[in-house]
N, C-alpha and C. Protein backbone atom coordinates (compact mmCIF):
# COMPACT_ATOMS: atom_id res chain seq x y z
N MET A 1 -30.40 -16.97 15.06
CA MET A 1 -29.06 -16.58 15.39
C MET A 1 -29.05 -15.84 16.72
N ASP A 2 -27.97 -15.99 17.42
CA ASP A 2 -27.82 -15.41 18.75
C ASP A 2 -27.66 -13.89 18.65
N PRO A 3 -28.43 -13.11 19.42
CA PRO A 3 -28.33 -11.65 19.37
C PRO A 3 -26.94 -11.15 19.77
N MET A 4 -26.26 -11.88 20.65
CA MET A 4 -24.90 -11.47 21.05
C MET A 4 -23.94 -11.59 19.88
N LEU A 5 -24.11 -12.64 19.09
CA LEU A 5 -23.27 -12.87 17.93
C LEU A 5 -23.51 -11.77 16.88
N ILE A 6 -24.78 -11.45 16.65
CA ILE A 6 -25.13 -10.40 15.69
C ILE A 6 -24.56 -9.05 16.16
N GLY A 7 -24.70 -8.76 17.44
CA GLY A 7 -24.15 -7.52 18.01
C GLY A 7 -22.64 -7.49 17.88
N GLY A 8 -21.98 -8.62 18.10
CA GLY A 8 -20.53 -8.70 17.96
C GLY A 8 -20.08 -8.48 16.53
N ILE A 9 -20.84 -9.08 15.59
CA ILE A 9 -20.50 -8.91 14.16
C ILE A 9 -20.68 -7.45 13.77
N ILE A 10 -21.79 -6.84 14.17
CA ILE A 10 -22.05 -5.43 13.83
C ILE A 10 -20.97 -4.54 14.46
N GLY A 11 -20.65 -4.80 15.72
CA GLY A 11 -19.59 -4.03 16.41
C GLY A 11 -18.25 -4.20 15.72
N GLY A 12 -17.95 -5.42 15.29
CA GLY A 12 -16.69 -5.68 14.58
C GLY A 12 -16.62 -4.95 13.25
N VAL A 13 -17.75 -4.94 12.52
CA VAL A 13 -17.79 -4.24 11.23
C VAL A 13 -17.60 -2.74 11.45
N ILE A 14 -18.28 -2.20 12.45
CA ILE A 14 -18.15 -0.77 12.75
C ILE A 14 -16.71 -0.44 13.15
N LEU A 15 -16.10 -1.28 13.96
CA LEU A 15 -14.71 -1.08 14.36
C LEU A 15 -13.77 -1.15 13.15
N LEU A 16 -14.00 -2.11 12.28
CA LEU A 16 -13.19 -2.24 11.07
C LEU A 16 -13.33 -1.01 10.18
N ILE A 17 -14.55 -0.51 10.03
CA ILE A 17 -14.77 0.71 9.24
C ILE A 17 -14.04 1.89 9.86
N ALA A 18 -14.12 2.01 11.19
CA ALA A 18 -13.44 3.11 11.90
C ALA A 18 -11.92 3.01 11.71
N ILE A 19 -11.38 1.82 11.79
CA ILE A 19 -9.93 1.63 11.61
C ILE A 19 -9.52 1.97 10.19
N ILE A 20 -10.29 1.53 9.20
CA ILE A 20 -9.99 1.84 7.80
C ILE A 20 -10.07 3.35 7.58
N TRP A 21 -11.10 4.00 8.13
CA TRP A 21 -11.24 5.45 8.00
C TRP A 21 -10.04 6.16 8.63
N PHE A 22 -9.65 5.74 9.83
CA PHE A 22 -8.53 6.37 10.53
C PHE A 22 -7.26 6.29 9.69
N PHE A 23 -6.93 5.11 9.20
CA PHE A 23 -5.70 4.95 8.43
C PHE A 23 -5.75 5.68 7.10
N SER A 24 -6.88 5.68 6.43
CA SER A 24 -6.96 6.40 5.16
C SER A 24 -6.87 7.91 5.39
N THR A 25 -7.48 8.40 6.45
CA THR A 25 -7.39 9.82 6.77
C THR A 25 -5.96 10.19 7.17
N TYR A 26 -5.33 9.35 7.97
CA TYR A 26 -3.94 9.57 8.38
C TYR A 26 -3.05 9.65 7.14
N ASN A 27 -3.21 8.70 6.23
CA ASN A 27 -2.39 8.68 5.02
C ASN A 27 -2.65 9.90 4.13
N ARG A 28 -3.90 10.35 4.07
CA ARG A 28 -4.21 11.55 3.29
C ARG A 28 -3.53 12.77 3.89
N LEU A 29 -3.54 12.87 5.22
CA LEU A 29 -2.87 13.99 5.88
C LEU A 29 -1.36 13.94 5.66
N VAL A 30 -0.79 12.75 5.71
CA VAL A 30 0.65 12.61 5.44
C VAL A 30 0.96 13.09 4.03
N ARG A 31 0.13 12.70 3.07
CA ARG A 31 0.33 13.10 1.67
C ARG A 31 0.24 14.63 1.55
N LEU A 32 -0.73 15.24 2.20
CA LEU A 32 -0.87 16.70 2.15
C LEU A 32 0.34 17.39 2.79
N LYS A 33 0.79 16.87 3.91
CA LYS A 33 1.95 17.47 4.59
C LYS A 33 3.20 17.35 3.73
N GLU A 34 3.39 16.21 3.11
CA GLU A 34 4.56 16.03 2.25
C GLU A 34 4.48 16.92 1.01
N ASN A 35 3.29 17.19 0.54
CA ASN A 35 3.10 18.11 -0.58
C ASN A 35 3.54 19.52 -0.18
N VAL A 36 3.21 19.92 1.03
CA VAL A 36 3.65 21.22 1.54
C VAL A 36 5.18 21.24 1.64
N ASN A 37 5.75 20.18 2.20
CA ASN A 37 7.21 20.11 2.35
C ASN A 37 7.92 20.17 0.99
N LYS A 38 7.37 19.46 0.01
CA LYS A 38 7.97 19.45 -1.33
C LYS A 38 7.88 20.83 -1.95
N SER A 39 6.74 21.48 -1.81
CA SER A 39 6.58 22.80 -2.41
C SER A 39 7.52 23.81 -1.76
N TRP A 40 7.76 23.69 -0.45
CA TRP A 40 8.72 24.57 0.21
C TRP A 40 10.15 24.27 -0.27
N ALA A 41 10.47 23.00 -0.44
CA ALA A 41 11.79 22.62 -0.94
C ALA A 41 12.03 23.18 -2.34
N ASP A 42 10.99 23.23 -3.17
CA ASP A 42 11.11 23.81 -4.51
C ASP A 42 11.45 25.30 -4.42
N ILE A 43 10.81 26.00 -3.50
CA ILE A 43 11.10 27.42 -3.29
C ILE A 43 12.52 27.58 -2.78
N ASP A 44 12.89 26.73 -1.85
CA ASP A 44 14.23 26.75 -1.25
C ASP A 44 15.31 26.67 -2.32
N VAL A 45 15.17 25.76 -3.25
CA VAL A 45 16.16 25.58 -4.31
C VAL A 45 16.28 26.85 -5.15
N LEU A 46 15.15 27.40 -5.55
CA LEU A 46 15.19 28.61 -6.39
C LEU A 46 15.77 29.81 -5.64
N LEU A 47 15.40 29.96 -4.37
CA LEU A 47 15.92 31.09 -3.60
C LEU A 47 17.43 30.97 -3.42
N LYS A 48 17.91 29.78 -3.16
CA LYS A 48 19.36 29.59 -3.03
C LYS A 48 20.07 29.94 -4.33
N GLN A 49 19.51 29.53 -5.45
CA GLN A 49 20.11 29.88 -6.75
C GLN A 49 20.13 31.39 -6.94
N ARG A 50 19.04 32.03 -6.58
CA ARG A 50 18.97 33.48 -6.74
C ARG A 50 19.94 34.18 -5.81
N TYR A 51 20.04 33.71 -4.55
CA TYR A 51 20.98 34.32 -3.61
C TYR A 51 22.42 34.15 -4.09
N ASP A 52 22.71 33.05 -4.77
CA ASP A 52 24.04 32.84 -5.32
C ASP A 52 24.31 33.76 -6.51
N MET A 53 23.27 34.10 -7.26
CA MET A 53 23.41 34.97 -8.42
C MET A 53 23.56 36.44 -8.05
N MET A 54 22.95 36.82 -6.94
CA MET A 54 22.90 38.23 -6.58
C MET A 54 24.27 38.87 -6.38
N PRO A 55 25.24 38.20 -5.74
CA PRO A 55 26.56 38.84 -5.61
C PRO A 55 27.19 39.15 -6.97
N ASN A 56 26.95 38.31 -7.96
CA ASN A 56 27.47 38.60 -9.30
C ASN A 56 26.85 39.88 -9.86
N LEU A 57 25.55 40.04 -9.64
CA LEU A 57 24.87 41.24 -10.10
C LEU A 57 25.43 42.47 -9.38
N ILE A 58 25.57 42.36 -8.07
CA ILE A 58 26.09 43.47 -7.27
C ILE A 58 27.51 43.82 -7.70
N ASN A 59 28.36 42.82 -7.91
CA ASN A 59 29.74 43.08 -8.32
C ASN A 59 29.80 43.76 -9.68
N THR A 60 28.91 43.37 -10.56
CA THR A 60 28.85 44.02 -11.88
C THR A 60 28.46 45.48 -11.72
N VAL A 61 27.45 45.75 -10.89
CA VAL A 61 27.00 47.12 -10.66
C VAL A 61 28.10 47.92 -9.96
N LYS A 62 28.79 47.31 -9.00
CA LYS A 62 29.86 47.99 -8.27
C LYS A 62 30.94 48.51 -9.21
N GLY A 63 31.20 47.77 -10.26
CA GLY A 63 32.21 48.20 -11.22
C GLY A 63 31.89 49.54 -11.84
N TYR A 64 30.63 49.89 -11.93
CA TYR A 64 30.21 51.15 -12.54
C TYR A 64 29.80 52.19 -11.51
N ALA A 65 29.30 51.74 -10.38
CA ALA A 65 28.75 52.67 -9.37
C ALA A 65 29.32 52.35 -7.99
N SER A 66 30.64 52.36 -7.90
CA SER A 66 31.29 51.96 -6.65
C SER A 66 30.95 52.87 -5.47
N HIS A 67 30.54 54.10 -5.73
CA HIS A 67 30.23 55.05 -4.66
C HIS A 67 28.86 54.80 -4.01
N GLU A 68 28.09 53.86 -4.50
CA GLU A 68 26.76 53.55 -3.94
C GLU A 68 26.88 52.54 -2.79
N LYS A 69 27.84 52.74 -1.90
CA LYS A 69 28.15 51.77 -0.85
C LYS A 69 26.98 51.49 0.08
N ASP A 70 26.21 52.51 0.42
CA ASP A 70 25.08 52.31 1.34
C ASP A 70 24.08 51.31 0.76
N LEU A 71 23.79 51.45 -0.52
CA LEU A 71 22.86 50.55 -1.19
C LEU A 71 23.41 49.12 -1.17
N PHE A 72 24.71 48.98 -1.45
CA PHE A 72 25.31 47.65 -1.48
C PHE A 72 25.33 47.00 -0.10
N MET A 73 25.60 47.80 0.94
CA MET A 73 25.59 47.28 2.31
C MET A 73 24.18 46.85 2.72
N GLU A 74 23.21 47.68 2.37
CA GLU A 74 21.81 47.38 2.68
C GLU A 74 21.40 46.08 1.96
N PHE A 75 21.83 45.95 0.73
CA PHE A 75 21.51 44.77 -0.06
C PHE A 75 22.17 43.53 0.55
N ALA A 76 23.41 43.65 0.97
CA ALA A 76 24.13 42.51 1.57
C ALA A 76 23.45 42.07 2.87
N LYS A 77 23.01 43.02 3.68
CA LYS A 77 22.31 42.68 4.93
C LYS A 77 20.99 41.96 4.64
N ALA A 78 20.24 42.48 3.67
CA ALA A 78 18.96 41.86 3.33
C ALA A 78 19.17 40.45 2.80
N ARG A 79 20.18 40.28 1.96
CA ARG A 79 20.48 38.96 1.40
C ARG A 79 20.88 37.98 2.51
N GLN A 80 21.69 38.46 3.46
CA GLN A 80 22.13 37.60 4.57
C GLN A 80 20.96 37.21 5.45
N SER A 81 20.07 38.14 5.74
CA SER A 81 18.93 37.80 6.59
C SER A 81 18.00 36.82 5.88
N ALA A 82 17.86 36.98 4.57
CA ALA A 82 17.05 36.04 3.79
C ALA A 82 17.68 34.65 3.80
N SER A 83 18.97 34.62 3.63
CA SER A 83 19.69 33.34 3.61
C SER A 83 19.60 32.64 4.97
N ASP A 84 19.74 33.42 6.06
CA ASP A 84 19.64 32.84 7.40
C ASP A 84 18.24 32.28 7.66
N ALA A 85 17.22 33.03 7.31
CA ALA A 85 15.84 32.57 7.51
C ALA A 85 15.57 31.33 6.67
N LEU A 86 16.09 31.29 5.47
CA LEU A 86 15.90 30.14 4.59
C LEU A 86 16.56 28.90 5.17
N SER A 87 17.76 29.06 5.72
CA SER A 87 18.46 27.90 6.28
C SER A 87 17.75 27.35 7.51
N GLN A 88 16.96 28.20 8.18
CA GLN A 88 16.21 27.75 9.36
C GLN A 88 14.81 27.26 9.00
N GLY A 89 14.42 27.40 7.74
CA GLY A 89 13.08 26.99 7.32
C GLY A 89 11.99 27.90 7.86
N ASP A 90 12.34 29.14 8.17
CA ASP A 90 11.41 30.12 8.74
C ASP A 90 10.66 30.82 7.61
N VAL A 91 9.45 30.35 7.32
CA VAL A 91 8.68 30.89 6.20
C VAL A 91 8.41 32.38 6.39
N SER A 92 8.02 32.79 7.58
CA SER A 92 7.73 34.20 7.83
C SER A 92 8.99 35.05 7.67
N GLY A 93 10.11 34.56 8.18
CA GLY A 93 11.38 35.28 8.05
C GLY A 93 11.82 35.40 6.61
N VAL A 94 11.65 34.33 5.85
CA VAL A 94 12.00 34.36 4.43
C VAL A 94 11.10 35.35 3.70
N ALA A 95 9.81 35.33 4.01
CA ALA A 95 8.87 36.25 3.36
C ALA A 95 9.23 37.70 3.66
N ALA A 96 9.60 37.99 4.91
CA ALA A 96 9.98 39.36 5.27
C ALA A 96 11.26 39.78 4.55
N ALA A 97 12.25 38.89 4.54
CA ALA A 97 13.52 39.19 3.88
C ALA A 97 13.33 39.32 2.37
N GLU A 98 12.47 38.48 1.82
CA GLU A 98 12.18 38.55 0.38
C GLU A 98 11.53 39.88 0.05
N GLY A 99 10.69 40.37 0.95
CA GLY A 99 10.07 41.67 0.74
C GLY A 99 11.11 42.77 0.68
N LEU A 100 12.10 42.71 1.57
CA LEU A 100 13.18 43.70 1.55
C LEU A 100 13.98 43.61 0.27
N LEU A 101 14.35 42.39 -0.10
CA LEU A 101 15.12 42.20 -1.34
C LEU A 101 14.30 42.64 -2.55
N GLY A 102 13.03 42.29 -2.55
CA GLY A 102 12.17 42.69 -3.66
C GLY A 102 12.07 44.20 -3.80
N GLY A 103 12.11 44.90 -2.69
CA GLY A 103 12.07 46.35 -2.72
C GLY A 103 13.38 46.97 -3.17
N MET A 104 14.46 46.22 -3.01
CA MET A 104 15.78 46.74 -3.38
C MET A 104 16.13 46.50 -4.85
N MET A 105 15.58 45.45 -5.43
CA MET A 105 15.94 45.12 -6.82
C MET A 105 15.64 46.29 -7.77
N PRO A 106 14.50 46.96 -7.66
CA PRO A 106 14.27 48.10 -8.56
C PRO A 106 15.31 49.21 -8.39
N LYS A 107 15.83 49.40 -7.15
CA LYS A 107 16.87 50.41 -6.93
C LYS A 107 18.14 50.05 -7.69
N ILE A 108 18.47 48.77 -7.65
CA ILE A 108 19.68 48.33 -8.34
C ILE A 108 19.50 48.45 -9.85
N TYR A 109 18.33 48.06 -10.33
CA TYR A 109 18.07 48.18 -11.77
C TYR A 109 18.01 49.65 -12.19
N ALA A 110 17.56 50.52 -11.28
CA ALA A 110 17.48 51.95 -11.60
C ALA A 110 18.87 52.54 -11.77
N LEU A 111 19.87 51.97 -11.11
CA LEU A 111 21.23 52.46 -11.28
C LEU A 111 21.67 52.34 -12.73
N SER A 112 21.18 51.34 -13.41
CA SER A 112 21.58 51.16 -14.81
C SER A 112 21.13 52.34 -15.67
N GLU A 113 20.04 53.00 -15.25
CA GLU A 113 19.59 54.18 -15.99
C GLU A 113 20.57 55.33 -15.83
N ALA A 114 21.20 55.42 -14.67
CA ALA A 114 22.15 56.49 -14.41
C ALA A 114 23.52 56.21 -15.04
N TYR A 115 23.77 54.96 -15.38
CA TYR A 115 25.06 54.58 -15.93
C TYR A 115 24.84 53.85 -17.26
N PRO A 116 24.88 54.58 -18.35
CA PRO A 116 24.62 53.98 -19.66
C PRO A 116 25.54 52.79 -19.98
N ASP A 117 26.81 52.87 -19.52
CA ASP A 117 27.72 51.76 -19.77
C ASP A 117 27.25 50.49 -19.07
N LEU A 118 26.74 50.66 -17.86
CA LEU A 118 26.19 49.52 -17.11
C LEU A 118 24.96 48.98 -17.82
N LYS A 119 24.12 49.88 -18.29
CA LYS A 119 22.89 49.49 -18.98
C LYS A 119 23.20 48.66 -20.23
N ALA A 120 24.36 48.91 -20.83
CA ALA A 120 24.75 48.19 -22.05
C ALA A 120 25.62 46.97 -21.76
N ASP A 121 26.06 46.80 -20.52
CA ASP A 121 26.93 45.67 -20.16
C ASP A 121 26.19 44.35 -20.32
N THR A 122 26.73 43.46 -21.15
CA THR A 122 26.04 42.20 -21.43
C THR A 122 25.93 41.30 -20.20
N GLN A 123 26.96 41.33 -19.34
CA GLN A 123 26.88 40.51 -18.12
C GLN A 123 25.75 41.00 -17.23
N PHE A 124 25.62 42.32 -17.08
CA PHE A 124 24.54 42.89 -16.28
C PHE A 124 23.18 42.53 -16.88
N LEU A 125 23.06 42.68 -18.18
CA LEU A 125 21.79 42.38 -18.85
C LEU A 125 21.41 40.90 -18.71
N ASN A 126 22.40 40.02 -18.87
CA ASN A 126 22.14 38.58 -18.72
C ASN A 126 21.72 38.23 -17.29
N LEU A 127 22.45 38.80 -16.31
CA LEU A 127 22.09 38.54 -14.91
C LEU A 127 20.69 39.09 -14.61
N GLN A 128 20.40 40.25 -15.13
CA GLN A 128 19.08 40.85 -14.91
C GLN A 128 17.98 39.95 -15.49
N LYS A 129 18.20 39.42 -16.69
CA LYS A 129 17.22 38.53 -17.31
C LYS A 129 17.07 37.23 -16.51
N GLU A 130 18.19 36.67 -16.07
CA GLU A 130 18.14 35.42 -15.30
C GLU A 130 17.40 35.62 -13.98
N ILE A 131 17.70 36.71 -13.30
CA ILE A 131 17.04 36.98 -12.02
C ILE A 131 15.56 37.24 -12.23
N THR A 132 15.20 37.94 -13.28
CA THR A 132 13.79 38.19 -13.58
C THR A 132 13.06 36.88 -13.86
N ALA A 133 13.69 36.00 -14.64
CA ALA A 133 13.08 34.70 -14.92
C ALA A 133 12.92 33.89 -13.64
N MET A 134 13.94 33.97 -12.78
CA MET A 134 13.87 33.25 -11.51
C MET A 134 12.78 33.83 -10.61
N GLU A 135 12.60 35.15 -10.64
CA GLU A 135 11.53 35.79 -9.86
C GLU A 135 10.17 35.24 -10.28
N ASN A 136 9.98 35.05 -11.57
CA ASN A 136 8.72 34.50 -12.07
C ASN A 136 8.52 33.06 -11.60
N GLN A 137 9.59 32.27 -11.61
CA GLN A 137 9.49 30.89 -11.13
C GLN A 137 9.19 30.86 -9.64
N ILE A 138 9.83 31.75 -8.88
CA ILE A 138 9.59 31.81 -7.44
C ILE A 138 8.14 32.19 -7.16
N ALA A 139 7.61 33.13 -7.93
CA ALA A 139 6.21 33.53 -7.75
C ALA A 139 5.28 32.34 -8.01
N ASP A 140 5.57 31.56 -9.06
CA ASP A 140 4.76 30.37 -9.34
C ASP A 140 4.85 29.36 -8.21
N ARG A 141 6.05 29.12 -7.73
CA ARG A 141 6.24 28.15 -6.65
C ARG A 141 5.63 28.64 -5.34
N ARG A 142 5.66 29.95 -5.14
CA ARG A 142 5.06 30.51 -3.92
C ARG A 142 3.55 30.28 -3.96
N GLU A 143 2.96 30.44 -5.14
CA GLU A 143 1.53 30.15 -5.29
C GLU A 143 1.23 28.69 -4.96
N PHE A 144 2.05 27.79 -5.48
CA PHE A 144 1.84 26.36 -5.24
C PHE A 144 2.02 26.04 -3.75
N TYR A 145 3.03 26.63 -3.11
CA TYR A 145 3.24 26.42 -1.68
C TYR A 145 2.04 26.91 -0.88
N ASN A 146 1.54 28.09 -1.22
CA ASN A 146 0.39 28.63 -0.50
C ASN A 146 -0.85 27.77 -0.70
N ALA A 147 -1.04 27.25 -1.92
CA ALA A 147 -2.18 26.37 -2.18
C ALA A 147 -2.05 25.08 -1.38
N SER A 148 -0.84 24.51 -1.36
CA SER A 148 -0.60 23.28 -0.59
C SER A 148 -0.81 23.51 0.90
N SER A 149 -0.31 24.64 1.39
CA SER A 149 -0.46 24.97 2.81
C SER A 149 -1.92 25.20 3.18
N THR A 150 -2.64 25.85 2.29
CA THR A 150 -4.06 26.10 2.54
C THR A 150 -4.84 24.79 2.59
N ASN A 151 -4.53 23.87 1.67
CA ASN A 151 -5.18 22.55 1.69
C ASN A 151 -4.88 21.83 3.00
N TRP A 152 -3.63 21.87 3.44
CA TRP A 152 -3.22 21.24 4.70
C TRP A 152 -3.96 21.90 5.88
N ASN A 153 -3.92 23.23 5.93
CA ASN A 153 -4.56 23.95 7.04
C ASN A 153 -6.05 23.66 7.11
N ALA A 154 -6.71 23.61 5.96
CA ALA A 154 -8.15 23.31 5.95
C ALA A 154 -8.40 21.87 6.40
N ALA A 155 -7.58 20.95 5.92
CA ALA A 155 -7.80 19.53 6.24
C ALA A 155 -7.65 19.26 7.73
N ILE A 156 -6.68 19.89 8.37
CA ILE A 156 -6.46 19.58 9.80
C ILE A 156 -7.50 20.24 10.71
N GLN A 157 -8.32 21.13 10.15
CA GLN A 157 -9.35 21.78 10.95
C GLN A 157 -10.74 21.20 10.74
N MET A 158 -10.92 20.45 9.66
CA MET A 158 -12.25 19.93 9.34
C MET A 158 -12.62 18.75 10.22
N ILE A 159 -13.91 18.69 10.54
CA ILE A 159 -14.44 17.58 11.33
C ILE A 159 -14.79 16.48 10.35
N PRO A 160 -14.49 15.27 10.55
CA PRO A 160 -13.84 14.60 11.66
C PRO A 160 -12.32 14.42 11.47
N THR A 161 -11.77 14.98 10.38
CA THR A 161 -10.33 14.82 10.12
C THR A 161 -9.49 15.43 11.24
N ASN A 162 -10.03 16.44 11.91
CA ASN A 162 -9.27 17.08 12.98
C ASN A 162 -8.96 16.12 14.12
N ILE A 163 -9.71 15.04 14.24
CA ILE A 163 -9.42 14.02 15.26
C ILE A 163 -8.09 13.36 14.96
N VAL A 164 -7.92 12.95 13.71
CA VAL A 164 -6.66 12.32 13.30
C VAL A 164 -5.54 13.35 13.33
N ALA A 165 -5.81 14.59 12.91
CA ALA A 165 -4.81 15.65 12.93
C ALA A 165 -4.33 15.90 14.37
N GLY A 166 -5.25 15.86 15.31
CA GLY A 166 -4.87 16.01 16.72
C GLY A 166 -3.99 14.87 17.18
N PHE A 167 -4.29 13.68 16.72
CA PHE A 167 -3.48 12.50 17.05
C PHE A 167 -2.07 12.66 16.50
N MET A 168 -1.94 13.32 15.33
CA MET A 168 -0.65 13.53 14.68
C MET A 168 0.08 14.76 15.22
N ASN A 169 -0.55 15.53 16.10
CA ASN A 169 -0.02 16.82 16.56
C ASN A 169 0.22 17.77 15.38
N ALA A 170 -0.70 17.77 14.44
CA ALA A 170 -0.57 18.59 13.23
C ALA A 170 -0.70 20.06 13.59
N GLU A 171 0.15 20.88 12.97
CA GLU A 171 0.12 22.32 13.19
C GLU A 171 -0.09 23.03 11.87
N ARG A 172 -0.71 24.19 11.96
CA ARG A 172 -0.95 25.00 10.77
C ARG A 172 0.38 25.39 10.13
N LYS A 173 0.37 25.53 8.82
CA LYS A 173 1.54 25.99 8.07
C LYS A 173 1.37 27.48 7.78
N THR A 174 2.46 28.20 7.84
CA THR A 174 2.46 29.63 7.56
C THR A 174 2.46 29.84 6.06
N LEU A 175 1.63 30.75 5.60
CA LEU A 175 1.62 31.08 4.17
C LEU A 175 2.76 32.03 3.85
N PHE A 176 3.25 31.95 2.63
CA PHE A 176 4.32 32.81 2.14
C PHE A 176 3.66 34.06 1.60
N GLU A 177 3.57 35.11 2.44
CA GLU A 177 2.81 36.30 2.07
C GLU A 177 3.72 37.50 1.87
N VAL A 178 3.25 38.42 1.04
CA VAL A 178 3.96 39.68 0.81
C VAL A 178 3.90 40.49 2.09
N THR A 179 5.05 40.96 2.56
CA THR A 179 5.08 41.70 3.82
C THR A 179 5.53 43.14 3.66
N VAL A 180 5.89 43.53 2.44
CA VAL A 180 6.36 44.89 2.21
C VAL A 180 5.32 45.62 1.38
N ALA A 181 4.94 46.79 1.84
CA ALA A 181 3.89 47.56 1.18
C ALA A 181 4.24 47.90 -0.27
N VAL A 182 5.52 48.09 -0.57
CA VAL A 182 5.94 48.44 -1.93
C VAL A 182 5.48 47.39 -2.94
N GLU A 183 5.52 46.12 -2.54
CA GLU A 183 5.12 45.05 -3.45
C GLU A 183 3.62 45.07 -3.72
N ARG A 184 2.84 45.69 -2.86
CA ARG A 184 1.40 45.72 -3.03
C ARG A 184 0.93 46.95 -3.82
N GLU A 185 1.85 47.89 -4.04
CA GLU A 185 1.46 49.10 -4.74
C GLU A 185 1.21 48.82 -6.21
N VAL A 186 0.34 49.63 -6.78
CA VAL A 186 0.04 49.52 -8.21
C VAL A 186 1.21 50.13 -8.99
N VAL A 187 1.66 49.44 -10.01
CA VAL A 187 2.73 49.94 -10.84
C VAL A 187 2.18 51.04 -11.74
N LYS A 188 2.87 52.18 -11.77
CA LYS A 188 2.45 53.30 -12.59
C LYS A 188 3.19 53.24 -13.92
N VAL A 189 2.44 53.25 -14.99
CA VAL A 189 3.02 53.25 -16.32
C VAL A 189 2.69 54.59 -16.95
N GLU A 190 3.73 55.31 -17.35
CA GLU A 190 3.53 56.62 -17.97
C GLU A 190 4.20 56.62 -19.34
N PHE A 191 3.52 57.26 -20.29
CA PHE A 191 4.08 57.39 -21.64
C PHE A 191 4.38 58.83 -21.95
């Protein structure tokens, strides 16, 4: 057999393997990126539901503690900044705003201790339970988003996948991290 023919066949096989590798790697990266996008969309849905629920909670509390205007204004600003960041898809902005809102929720719930009628109000109790359940779902989805983002970030940096990632102009995804020190503090339980 002609050495040129053998060299051509070997070169063709190597080229075919490289093309198959490129497309399979490209498709894997697309799948990882879409997984990140889906996990963020899941968080987006829950946060929007929670932001829609919060005015009802605030209005219920206002009925009993109308003089707490500073707290309500602060809460409204935090909710608006969270909503704005969410509409822009700004993960860091949402995380920062969520930290502010997360720090304010205990203050609002603490008002119920000062107002026994509020503490017994069924609408307040139901909203509190719904928001707490939603907080747990958001925490689960945040974990999934961070895991998806970490997988994406690792994949686009690994050799030789980073070659295809460079071709795609792939960029790192921001993790949804706690940004308020209050959320990192240990909860004190006293009896």
